[in-house]
Amino acid sequence: MPKLKSFVHVSTAYANCLQNPIEEKFYDPPMDADKFIDLMDSIDE
């Protein structure tokens, strides 16, 4: 989008609920996003 000014992803305050305190920063996910998507594509439901 050549006109893009802002993109907001709505997450949840509890996305990193294993952490405490929860700061306004990134935390390590339970699995790398790309590997997770590949796993979902390759495994029987």
All heavy atoms as atom14 arrays in JSON, in Angstrom:
{
  "sequence": "MPKLKSFVHVSTAYANCLQNPIEEKFYDPPMDADKFIDLMDSIDE",
  "atom14_mask": [
    [1, 1, 1, 1, 1, 1, 1, 1, 0, 0, 0, 0, 0, 0],
    [1, 1, 1, 1, 1, 1, 1, 0, 0, 0, 0, 0, 0, 0],
    [1, 1, 1, 1, 1, 1, 1, 1, 1, 0, 0, 0, 0, 0],
    [1, 1, 1, 1, 1, 1, 1, 1, 0, 0, 0, 0, 0, 0],
    [1, 1, 1, 1, 1, 1, 1, 1, 1, 0, 0, 0, 0, 0],
    [1, 1, 1, 1, 1, 1, 0, 0, 0, 0, 0, 0, 0, 0],
    [1, 1, 1, 1, 1, 1, 1, 1, 1, 1, 1, 0, 0, 0],
    [1, 1, 1, 1, 1, 1, 1, 0, 0, 0, 0, 0, 0, 0],
    [1, 1, 1, 1, 1, 1, 1, 1, 1, 1, 0, 0, 0, 0],
    [1, 1, 1, 1, 1, 1, 1, 0, 0, 0, 0, 0, 0, 0],
    [1, 1, 1, 1, 1, 1, 0, 0, 0, 0, 0, 0, 0, 0],
    [1, 1, 1, 1, 1, 1, 1, 0, 0, 0, 0, 0, 0, 0],
    [1, 1, 1, 1, 1, 0, 0, 0, 0, 0, 0, 0, 0, 0],
    [1, 1, 1, 1, 1, 1, 1, 1, 1, 1, 1, 1, 0, 0],
    [1, 1, 1, 1, 1, 0, 0, 0, 0, 0, 0, 0, 0, 0],
    [1, 1, 1, 1, 1, 1, 1, 1, 0, 0, 0, 0, 0, 0],
    [1, 1, 1, 1, 1, 1, 0, 0, 0, 0, 0, 0, 0, 0],
    [1, 1, 1, 1, 1, 1, 1, 1, 0, 0, 0, 0, 0, 0],
    [1, 1, 1, 1, 1, 1, 1, 1, 1, 0, 0, 0, 0, 0],
    [1, 1, 1, 1, 1, 1, 1, 1, 0, 0, 0, 0, 0, 0],
    [1, 1, 1, 1, 1, 1, 1, 0, 0, 0, 0, 0, 0, 0],
    [1, 1, 1, 1, 1, 1, 1, 1, 0, 0, 0, 0, 0, 0],
    [1, 1, 1, 1, 1, 1, 1, 1, 1, 0, 0, 0, 0, 0],
    [1, 1, 1, 1, 1, 1, 1, 1, 1, 0, 0, 0, 0, 0],
    [1, 1, 1, 1, 1, 1, 1, 1, 1, 0, 0, 0, 0, 0],
    [1, 1, 1, 1, 1, 1, 1, 1, 1, 1, 1, 0, 0, 0],
    [1, 1, 1, 1, 1, 1, 1, 1, 1, 1, 1, 1, 0, 0],
    [1, 1, 1, 1, 1, 1, 1, 1, 0, 0, 0, 0, 0, 0],
    [1, 1, 1, 1, 1, 1, 1, 0, 0, 0, 0, 0, 0, 0],
    [1, 1, 1, 1, 1, 1, 1, 0, 0, 0, 0, 0, 0, 0],
    [1, 1, 1, 1, 1, 1, 1, 1, 0, 0, 0, 0, 0, 0],
    [1, 1, 1, 1, 1, 1, 1, 1, 0, 0, 0, 0, 0, 0],
    [1, 1, 1, 1, 1, 0, 0, 0, 0, 0, 0, 0, 0, 0],
    [1, 1, 1, 1, 1, 1, 1, 1, 0, 0, 0, 0, 0, 0],
    [1, 1, 1, 1, 1, 1, 1, 1, 1, 0, 0, 0, 0, 0],
    [1, 1, 1, 1, 1, 1, 1, 1, 1, 1, 1, 0, 0, 0],
    [1, 1, 1, 1, 1, 1, 1, 1, 0, 0, 0, 0, 0, 0],
    [1, 1, 1, 1, 1, 1, 1, 1, 0, 0, 0, 0, 0, 0],
    [1, 1, 1, 1, 1, 1, 1, 1, 0, 0, 0, 0, 0, 0],
    [1, 1, 1, 1, 1, 1, 1, 1, 0, 0, 0, 0, 0, 0],
    [1, 1, 1, 1, 1, 1, 1, 1, 0, 0, 0, 0, 0, 0],
    [1, 1, 1, 1, 1, 1, 0, 0, 0, 0, 0, 0, 0, 0],
    [1, 1, 1, 1, 1, 1, 1, 1, 0, 0, 0, 0, 0, 0],
    [1, 1, 1, 1, 1, 1, 1, 1, 0, 0, 0, 0, 0, 0],
    [1, 1, 1, 1, 1, 1, 1, 1, 1, 0, 0, 0, 0, 0]
  ],
  "atom14_positions": [
    [[0.84, -1.2, 0.0], [0.0, 0.0, 0.0], [0.88, 1.25, 0.0], [1.51, 1.57, 1.02], [-0.91, 0.01, 1.23], [-1.88, -1.15, 1.29], [-2.81, -1.18, 2.87], [-3.88, -2.6, 2.6], [0.0, 0.0, 0.0], [0.0, 0.0, 0.0], [0.0, 0.0, 0.0], [0.0, 0.0, 0.0], [0.0, 0.0, 0.0], [0.0, 0.0, 0.0]],
    [[0.94, 1.98, -1.09], [1.81, 3.16, -1.15], [1.39, 4.29, -0.22], [2.22, 5.13, 0.15], [1.71, 3.59, -2.62], [0.41, 3.04, -3.11], [0.21, 1.76, -2.36], [0.0, 0.0, 0.0], [0.0, 0.0, 0.0], [0.0, 0.0, 0.0], [0.0, 0.0, 0.0], [0.0, 0.0, 0.0], [0.0, 0.0, 0.0], [0.0, 0.0, 0.0]],
    [[0.11, 4.3, 0.18], [-0.38, 5.39, 1.04], [-0.35, 5.03, 2.53], [-0.79, 5.84, 3.36], [-1.83, 5.73, 0.66], [-2.04, 6.21, -0.75], [-3.51, 6.48, -0.99], [-3.78, 6.94, -2.42], [-5.24, 7.17, -2.64], [0.0, 0.0, 0.0], [0.0, 0.0, 0.0], [0.0, 0.0, 0.0], [0.0, 0.0, 0.0], [0.0, 0.0, 0.0]],
    [[0.15, 3.86, 2.88], [0.04, 3.38, 4.26], [0.67, 4.36, 5.25], [1.84, 4.71, 5.15], [0.71, 2.01, 4.39], [0.53, 1.35, 5.77], [-0.92, 0.93, 5.98], [1.46, 0.15, 5.92], [0.0, 0.0, 0.0], [0.0, 0.0, 0.0], [0.0, 0.0, 0.0], [0.0, 0.0, 0.0], [0.0, 0.0, 0.0], [0.0, 0.0, 0.0]],
    [[-0.15, 4.77, 6.24], [0.31, 5.67, 7.29], [0.4, 4.97, 8.65], [1.2, 5.37, 9.51], [-0.67, 6.84, 7.43], [-0.75, 7.75, 6.24], [-1.95, 8.68, 6.31], [-1.94, 9.56, 7.53], [-3.08, 10.51, 7.55], [0.0, 0.0, 0.0], [0.0, 0.0, 0.0], [0.0, 0.0, 0.0], [0.0, 0.0, 0.0], [0.0, 0.0, 0.0]],
    [[-0.44, 3.93, 8.84], [-0.47, 3.29, 10.15], [-1.12, 1.92, 10.05], [-2.11, 1.74, 9.34], [-1.24, 4.16, 11.15], [-1.19, 3.61, 12.45], [0.0, 0.0, 0.0], [0.0, 0.0, 0.0], [0.0, 0.0, 0.0], [0.0, 0.0, 0.0], [0.0, 0.0, 0.0], [0.0, 0.0, 0.0], [0.0, 0.0, 0.0], [0.0, 0.0, 0.0]],
    [[-0.53, 0.96, 10.77], [-1.08, -0.4, 10.86], [-1.1, -0.75, 12.35], [-0.08, -0.72, 13.01], [-0.19, -1.38, 10.09], [-0.69, -2.81, 10.04], [-1.04, -3.39, 8.83], [-0.81, -3.58, 11.2], [-1.49, -4.71, 8.77], [-1.27, -4.89, 11.15], [-1.61, -5.46, 9.94], [0.0, 0.0, 0.0], [0.0, 0.0, 0.0], [0.0, 0.0, 0.0]],
    [[-2.29, -1.1, 12.86], [-2.41, -1.47, 14.26], [-2.85, -2.93, 14.37], [-3.89, -3.31, 13.83], [-3.43, -0.59, 15.01], [-3.36, -0.87, 16.52], [-3.2, 0.88, 14.74], [0.0, 0.0, 0.0], [0.0, 0.0, 0.0], [0.0, 0.0, 0.0], [0.0, 0.0, 0.0], [0.0, 0.0, 0.0], [0.0, 0.0, 0.0], [0.0, 0.0, 0.0]],
    [[-2.03, -3.72, 15.04], [-2.41, -5.11, 15.34], [-2.96, -5.16, 16.75], [-2.3, -4.76, 17.7], [-1.2, -6.03, 15.22], [-1.43, -7.39, 15.84], [-2.48, -8.21, 15.46], [-0.77, -8.06, 16.84], [-2.44, -9.33, 16.18], [-1.42, -9.25, 17.02], [0.0, 0.0, 0.0], [0.0, 0.0, 0.0], [0.0, 0.0, 0.0], [0.0, 0.0, 0.0]],
    [[-4.2, -5.65, 16.88], [-4.82, -5.77, 18.19], [-4.46, -7.11, 18.79], [-4.9, -8.16, 18.32], [-6.35, -5.6, 18.1], [-6.98, -5.75, 19.49], [-6.71, -4.25, 17.51], [0.0, 0.0, 0.0], [0.0, 0.0, 0.0], [0.0, 0.0, 0.0], [0.0, 0.0, 0.0], [0.0, 0.0, 0.0], [0.0, 0.0, 0.0], [0.0, 0.0, 0.0]],
    [[-3.65, -7.09, 19.82], [-3.26, -8.29, 20.54], [-4.09, -8.38, 21.82], [-5.26, -8.03, 21.83], [-1.75, -8.24, 20.84], [-1.31, -9.42, 21.46], [0.0, 0.0, 0.0], [0.0, 0.0, 0.0], [0.0, 0.0, 0.0], [0.0, 0.0, 0.0], [0.0, 0.0, 0.0], [0.0, 0.0, 0.0], [0.0, 0.0, 0.0], [0.0, 0.0, 0.0]],
    [[-3.51, -8.81, 22.9], [-4.17, -8.84, 24.21], [-3.12, -8.65, 25.27], [-1.96, -9.05, 25.1], [-4.92, -10.17, 24.44], [-5.32, -10.25, 25.81], [-4.03, -11.37, 24.14], [0.0, 0.0, 0.0], [0.0, 0.0, 0.0], [0.0, 0.0, 0.0], [0.0, 0.0, 0.0], [0.0, 0.0, 0.0], [0.0, 0.0, 0.0], [0.0, 0.0, 0.0]],
    [[-3.51, -8.03, 26.38], [-2.57, -7.82, 27.49], [-2.05, -9.14, 28.04], [-1.01, -9.18, 28.7], [-3.25, -7.01, 28.59], [0.0, 0.0, 0.0], [0.0, 0.0, 0.0], [0.0, 0.0, 0.0], [0.0, 0.0, 0.0], [0.0, 0.0, 0.0], [0.0, 0.0, 0.0], [0.0, 0.0, 0.0], [0.0, 0.0, 0.0], [0.0, 0.0, 0.0]],
    [[-2.77, -10.23, 27.75], [-2.41, -11.54, 28.3], [-1.67, -12.42, 27.3], [-1.5, -13.62, 27.53], [-3.67, -12.26, 28.8], [-4.36, -11.48, 29.91], [-5.36, -10.56, 29.61], [-3.98, -11.64, 31.24], [-5.97, -9.82, 30.61], [-4.58, -10.91, 32.25], [-5.58, -10.0, 31.93], [-6.17, -9.26, 32.93], [0.0, 0.0, 0.0], [0.0, 0.0, 0.0]],
    [[-1.23, -11.83, 26.18], [-0.52, -12.61, 25.16], [0.78, -13.2, 25.72], [1.27, -14.21, 25.21], [-0.22, -11.75, 23.94], [0.0, 0.0, 0.0], [0.0, 0.0, 0.0], [0.0, 0.0, 0.0], [0.0, 0.0, 0.0], [0.0, 0.0, 0.0], [0.0, 0.0, 0.0], [0.0, 0.0, 0.0], [0.0, 0.0, 0.0], [0.0, 0.0, 0.0]],
    [[1.33, -12.57, 26.74], [2.57, -13.04, 27.34], [2.34, -13.36, 28.82], [3.11, -12.95, 29.69], [3.66, -11.99, 27.17], [3.89, -11.63, 25.72], [4.5, -12.37, 24.96], [3.37, -10.48, 25.3], [0.0, 0.0, 0.0], [0.0, 0.0, 0.0], [0.0, 0.0, 0.0], [0.0, 0.0, 0.0], [0.0, 0.0, 0.0], [0.0, 0.0, 0.0]],
    [[1.27, -14.12, 29.07], [0.81, -14.34, 30.44], [1.78, -15.16, 31.29], [1.61, -15.23, 32.52], [-0.57, -14.98, 30.44], [-0.64, -16.58, 29.59], [0.0, 0.0, 0.0], [0.0, 0.0, 0.0], [0.0, 0.0, 0.0], [0.0, 0.0, 0.0], [0.0, 0.0, 0.0], [0.0, 0.0, 0.0], [0.0, 0.0, 0.0], [0.0, 0.0, 0.0]],
    [[2.78, -15.78, 30.68], [3.77, -16.5, 31.47], [4.77, -15.54, 32.11], [5.56, -15.95, 32.97], [4.52, -17.53, 30.6], [3.67, -18.63, 29.95], [4.58, -19.66, 29.3], [2.74, -19.29, 30.94], [0.0, 0.0, 0.0], [0.0, 0.0, 0.0], [0.0, 0.0, 0.0], [0.0, 0.0, 0.0], [0.0, 0.0, 0.0], [0.0, 0.0, 0.0]],
    [[4.74, -14.28, 31.66], [5.63, -13.27, 32.21], [4.93, -12.48, 33.32], [3.72, -12.33, 33.29], [6.08, -12.29, 31.11], [6.64, -12.95, 29.87], [7.95, -13.65, 30.12], [8.74, -13.23, 30.97], [8.2, -14.73, 29.39], [0.0, 0.0, 0.0], [0.0, 0.0, 0.0], [0.0, 0.0, 0.0], [0.0, 0.0, 0.0], [0.0, 0.0, 0.0]],
    [[5.7, -11.98, 34.26], [5.15, -11.12, 35.29], [6.32, -10.4, 35.97], [7.15, -11.07, 36.59], [4.36, -11.92, 36.33], [3.31, -11.08, 37.04], [3.18, -9.89, 36.77], [2.58, -11.71, 37.94], [0.0, 0.0, 0.0], [0.0, 0.0, 0.0], [0.0, 0.0, 0.0], [0.0, 0.0, 0.0], [0.0, 0.0, 0.0], [0.0, 0.0, 0.0]],
    [[6.43, -9.09, 35.81], [5.48, -8.16, 35.18], [5.47, -8.29, 33.65], [6.37, -8.9, 33.06], [6.02, -6.79, 35.61], [7.49, -7.01, 35.77], [7.62, -8.39, 36.34], [0.0, 0.0, 0.0], [0.0, 0.0, 0.0], [0.0, 0.0, 0.0], [0.0, 0.0, 0.0], [0.0, 0.0, 0.0], [0.0, 0.0, 0.0], [0.0, 0.0, 0.0]],
    [[4.45, -7.68, 33.04], [4.35, -7.65, 31.59], [4.58, -6.22, 31.12], [3.78, -5.33, 31.4], [2.97, -8.17, 31.11], [2.78, -9.63, 31.53], [2.84, -8.02, 29.6], [1.41, -10.2, 31.19], [0.0, 0.0, 0.0], [0.0, 0.0, 0.0], [0.0, 0.0, 0.0], [0.0, 0.0, 0.0], [0.0, 0.0, 0.0], [0.0, 0.0, 0.0]],
    [[5.68, -6.01, 30.44], [6.05, -4.67, 29.98], [5.63, -4.46, 28.53], [5.23, -5.4, 27.84], [7.56, -4.47, 30.14], [8.06, -4.67, 31.56], [9.57, -4.54, 31.66], [10.13, -3.62, 31.01], [10.19, -5.37, 32.35], [0.0, 0.0, 0.0], [0.0, 0.0, 0.0], [0.0, 0.0, 0.0], [0.0, 0.0, 0.0], [0.0, 0.0, 0.0]],
    [[5.77, -3.21, 28.08], [5.4, -2.88, 26.71], [6.59, -3.17, 25.78], [7.21, -2.29, 25.21], [5.0, -1.4, 26.63], [3.7, -1.11, 27.38], [3.44, 0.37, 27.54], [4.31, 1.07, 28.07], [2.35, 0.83, 27.14], [0.0, 0.0, 0.0], [0.0, 0.0, 0.0], [0.0, 0.0, 0.0], [0.0, 0.0, 0.0], [0.0, 0.0, 0.0]],
    [[6.87, -4.46, 25.66], [7.98, -4.9, 24.83], [7.7, -6.29, 24.3], [6.74, -6.95, 24.72], [9.28, -4.9, 25.64], [9.32, -5.95, 26.74], [10.65, -5.94, 27.48], [10.75, -7.09, 28.48], [12.05, -7.1, 29.18], [0.0, 0.0, 0.0], [0.0, 0.0, 0.0], [0.0, 0.0, 0.0], [0.0, 0.0, 0.0], [0.0, 0.0, 0.0]],
    [[8.52, -6.75, 23.37], [8.38, -8.1, 22.84], [8.94, -9.13, 23.81], [9.92, -8.87, 24.51], [9.11, -8.23, 21.5], [8.42, -7.55, 20.35], [8.89, -6.34, 19.86], [7.3, -8.12, 19.76], [8.25, -5.71, 18.8], [6.65, -7.51, 18.7], [7.13, -6.3, 18.23], [0.0, 0.0, 0.0], [0.0, 0.0, 0.0], [0.0, 0.0, 0.0]],
    [[8.31, -10.29, 23.83], [8.81, -11.43, 24.59], [8.99, -12.61, 23.64], [8.39, -12.64, 22.57], [7.83, -11.81, 25.71], [7.76, -10.79, 26.82], [6.79, -9.79, 26.82], [8.66, -10.83, 27.89], [6.72, -8.86, 27.84], [8.6, -9.91, 28.92], [7.62, -8.91, 28.88], [7.56, -7.99, 29.89], [0.0, 0.0, 0.0], [0.0, 0.0, 0.0]],
    [[9.81, -13.55, 24.06], [10.0, -14.74, 23.23], [8.69, -15.54, 23.16], [8.07, -15.81, 24.2], [11.1, -15.62, 23.82], [12.47, -14.99, 23.71], [12.66, -14.15, 22.81], [13.35, -15.32, 24.54], [0.0, 0.0, 0.0], [0.0, 0.0, 0.0], [0.0, 0.0, 0.0], [0.0, 0.0, 0.0], [0.0, 0.0, 0.0], [0.0, 0.0, 0.0]],
    [[8.26, -15.91, 21.96], [7.03, -16.68, 21.8], [7.26, -18.15, 22.12], [8.41, -18.6, 22.2], [6.69, -16.49, 20.33], [8.03, -16.38, 19.67], [8.91, -15.64, 20.65], [0.0, 0.0, 0.0], [0.0, 0.0, 0.0], [0.0, 0.0, 0.0], [0.0, 0.0, 0.0], [0.0, 0.0, 0.0], [0.0, 0.0, 0.0], [0.0, 0.0, 0.0]],
    [[6.21, -18.94, 22.29], [6.39, -20.38, 22.53], [7.01, -21.1, 21.35], [7.61, -22.16, 21.5], [4.97, -20.88, 22.8], [4.06, -19.84, 22.2], [4.8, -18.54, 22.34], [0.0, 0.0, 0.0], [0.0, 0.0, 0.0], [0.0, 0.0, 0.0], [0.0, 0.0, 0.0], [0.0, 0.0, 0.0], [0.0, 0.0, 0.0], [0.0, 0.0, 0.0]],
    [[6.87, -20.51, 20.14], [7.48, -21.09, 18.94], [7.65, -19.98, 17.91], [6.84, -19.05, 17.86], [6.58, -22.21, 18.36], [7.18, -22.93, 17.16], [6.06, -24.18, 16.43], [5.93, -25.33, 17.79], [0.0, 0.0, 0.0], [0.0, 0.0, 0.0], [0.0, 0.0, 0.0], [0.0, 0.0, 0.0], [0.0, 0.0, 0.0], [0.0, 0.0, 0.0]],
    [[8.71, -20.07, 17.13], [8.92, -19.1, 16.05], [7.7, -19.1, 15.12], [7.17, -20.15, 14.76], [10.17, -19.47, 15.27], [10.37, -18.59, 14.06], [10.88, -17.47, 14.21], [9.98, -19.03, 12.95], [0.0, 0.0, 0.0], [0.0, 0.0, 0.0], [0.0, 0.0, 0.0], [0.0, 0.0, 0.0], [0.0, 0.0, 0.0], [0.0, 0.0, 0.0]],
    [[7.25, -17.91, 14.73], [6.02, -17.77, 13.95], [6.06, -18.55, 12.63], [5.1, -19.25, 12.28], [5.74, -16.29, 13.68], [0.0, 0.0, 0.0], [0.0, 0.0, 0.0], [0.0, 0.0, 0.0], [0.0, 0.0, 0.0], [0.0, 0.0, 0.0], [0.0, 0.0, 0.0], [0.0, 0.0, 0.0], [0.0, 0.0, 0.0], [0.0, 0.0, 0.0]],
    [[7.14, -18.44, 11.89], [7.23, -19.12, 10.59], [7.27, -20.63, 10.76], [6.65, -21.38, 9.99], [8.45, -18.64, 9.82], [8.33, -17.18, 9.41], [7.18, -16.73, 9.2], [9.35, -16.49, 9.32], [0.0, 0.0, 0.0], [0.0, 0.0, 0.0], [0.0, 0.0, 0.0], [0.0, 0.0, 0.0], [0.0, 0.0, 0.0], [0.0, 0.0, 0.0]],
    [[8.01, -21.1, 11.75], [8.06, -22.54, 12.01], [6.69, -23.05, 12.45], [6.28, -24.16, 12.08], [9.11, -22.85, 13.08], [10.53, -22.62, 12.63], [11.52, -22.95, 13.75], [12.96, -22.71, 13.28], [13.93, -22.99, 14.39], [0.0, 0.0, 0.0], [0.0, 0.0, 0.0], [0.0, 0.0, 0.0], [0.0, 0.0, 0.0], [0.0, 0.0, 0.0]],
    [[5.99, -22.22, 13.21], [4.65, -22.6, 13.66], [3.69, -22.74, 12.48], [2.94, -23.71, 12.38], [4.13, -21.56, 14.66], [2.74, -21.81, 15.15], [2.47, -22.87, 16.0], [1.69, -20.98, 14.77], [1.17, -23.1, 16.47], [0.4, -21.2, 15.22], [0.14, -22.27, 16.08], [0.0, 0.0, 0.0], [0.0, 0.0, 0.0], [0.0, 0.0, 0.0]],
    [[3.73, -21.79, 11.56], [2.86, -21.84, 10.39], [3.21, -23.05, 9.53], [2.31, -23.75, 9.02], [2.97, -20.53, 9.58], [2.37, -19.37, 10.38], [2.27, -20.67, 8.23], [2.57, -18.01, 9.75], [0.0, 0.0, 0.0], [0.0, 0.0, 0.0], [0.0, 0.0, 0.0], [0.0, 0.0, 0.0], [0.0, 0.0, 0.0], [0.0, 0.0, 0.0]],
    [[4.5, -23.32, 9.36], [4.92, -24.5, 8.58], [4.42, -25.79, 9.24], [3.98, -26.73, 8.55], [6.45, -24.55, 8.47], [6.99, -23.46, 7.56], [6.2, -22.92, 6.75], [8.2, -23.15, 7.68], [0.0, 0.0, 0.0], [0.0, 0.0, 0.0], [0.0, 0.0, 0.0], [0.0, 0.0, 0.0], [0.0, 0.0, 0.0], [0.0, 0.0, 0.0]],
    [[4.48, -25.84, 10.56], [3.99, -27.02, 11.28], [2.5, -27.21, 11.06], [2.03, -28.33, 10.83], [4.3, -26.88, 12.77], [3.78, -28.01, 13.67], [4.47, -29.33, 13.32], [3.98, -27.66, 15.15], [0.0, 0.0, 0.0], [0.0, 0.0, 0.0], [0.0, 0.0, 0.0], [0.0, 0.0, 0.0], [0.0, 0.0, 0.0], [0.0, 0.0, 0.0]],
    [[1.74, -26.12, 11.12], [0.29, -26.2, 10.92], [-0.04, -26.7, 9.51], [-1.04, -27.4, 9.31], [-0.35, -24.82, 11.14], [-0.24, -24.28, 12.56], [-1.03, -25.32, 13.82], [0.41, -26.08, 14.57], [0.0, 0.0, 0.0], [0.0, 0.0, 0.0], [0.0, 0.0, 0.0], [0.0, 0.0, 0.0], [0.0, 0.0, 0.0], [0.0, 0.0, 0.0]],
    [[0.8, -26.35, 8.54], [0.56, -26.75, 7.15], [0.92, -28.21, 6.9], [0.4, -28.84, 5.98], [1.36, -25.87, 6.19], [0.82, -24.46, 6.13], [-0.36, -24.26, 6.49], [1.58, -23.54, 5.74], [0.0, 0.0, 0.0], [0.0, 0.0, 0.0], [0.0, 0.0, 0.0], [0.0, 0.0, 0.0], [0.0, 0.0, 0.0], [0.0, 0.0, 0.0]],
    [[1.84, -28.74, 7.7], [2.39, -30.07, 7.39], [1.81, -31.2, 8.22], [2.11, -32.37, 7.96], [3.91, -30.04, 7.6], [4.21, -29.74, 8.96], [0.0, 0.0, 0.0], [0.0, 0.0, 0.0], [0.0, 0.0, 0.0], [0.0, 0.0, 0.0], [0.0, 0.0, 0.0], [0.0, 0.0, 0.0], [0.0, 0.0, 0.0], [0.0, 0.0, 0.0]],
    [[0.96, -30.88, 9.17], [0.47, -31.92, 10.06], [-1.03, -32.14, 9.89], [-1.78, -31.19, 9.63], [0.81, -31.56, 11.54], [0.63, -32.76, 12.46], [-0.04, -30.39, 12.02], [1.21, -32.54, 13.85], [0.0, 0.0, 0.0], [0.0, 0.0, 0.0], [0.0, 0.0, 0.0], [0.0, 0.0, 0.0], [0.0, 0.0, 0.0], [0.0, 0.0, 0.0]],
    [[-1.46, -33.39, 9.99], [-2.87, -33.74, 9.9], [-3.63, -33.1, 11.06], [-3.15, -33.07, 12.2], [-3.03, -35.26, 9.95], [-4.48, -35.68, 9.96], [-5.13, -35.6, 8.91], [-4.96, -36.07, 11.05], [0.0, 0.0, 0.0], [0.0, 0.0, 0.0], [0.0, 0.0, 0.0], [0.0, 0.0, 0.0], [0.0, 0.0, 0.0], [0.0, 0.0, 0.0]],
    [[-4.84, -32.6, 10.76], [-5.58, -31.86, 11.79], [-5.96, -32.72, 12.99], [-5.92, -32.27, 14.13], [-6.85, -31.24, 11.18], [-7.55, -30.27, 12.12], [-8.6, -29.42, 11.44], [-8.65, -29.42, 10.19], [-9.36, -28.75, 12.15], [0.0, 0.0, 0.0], [0.0, 0.0, 0.0], [0.0, 0.0, 0.0], [0.0, 0.0, 0.0], [0.0, 0.0, 0.0]]
  ]
}
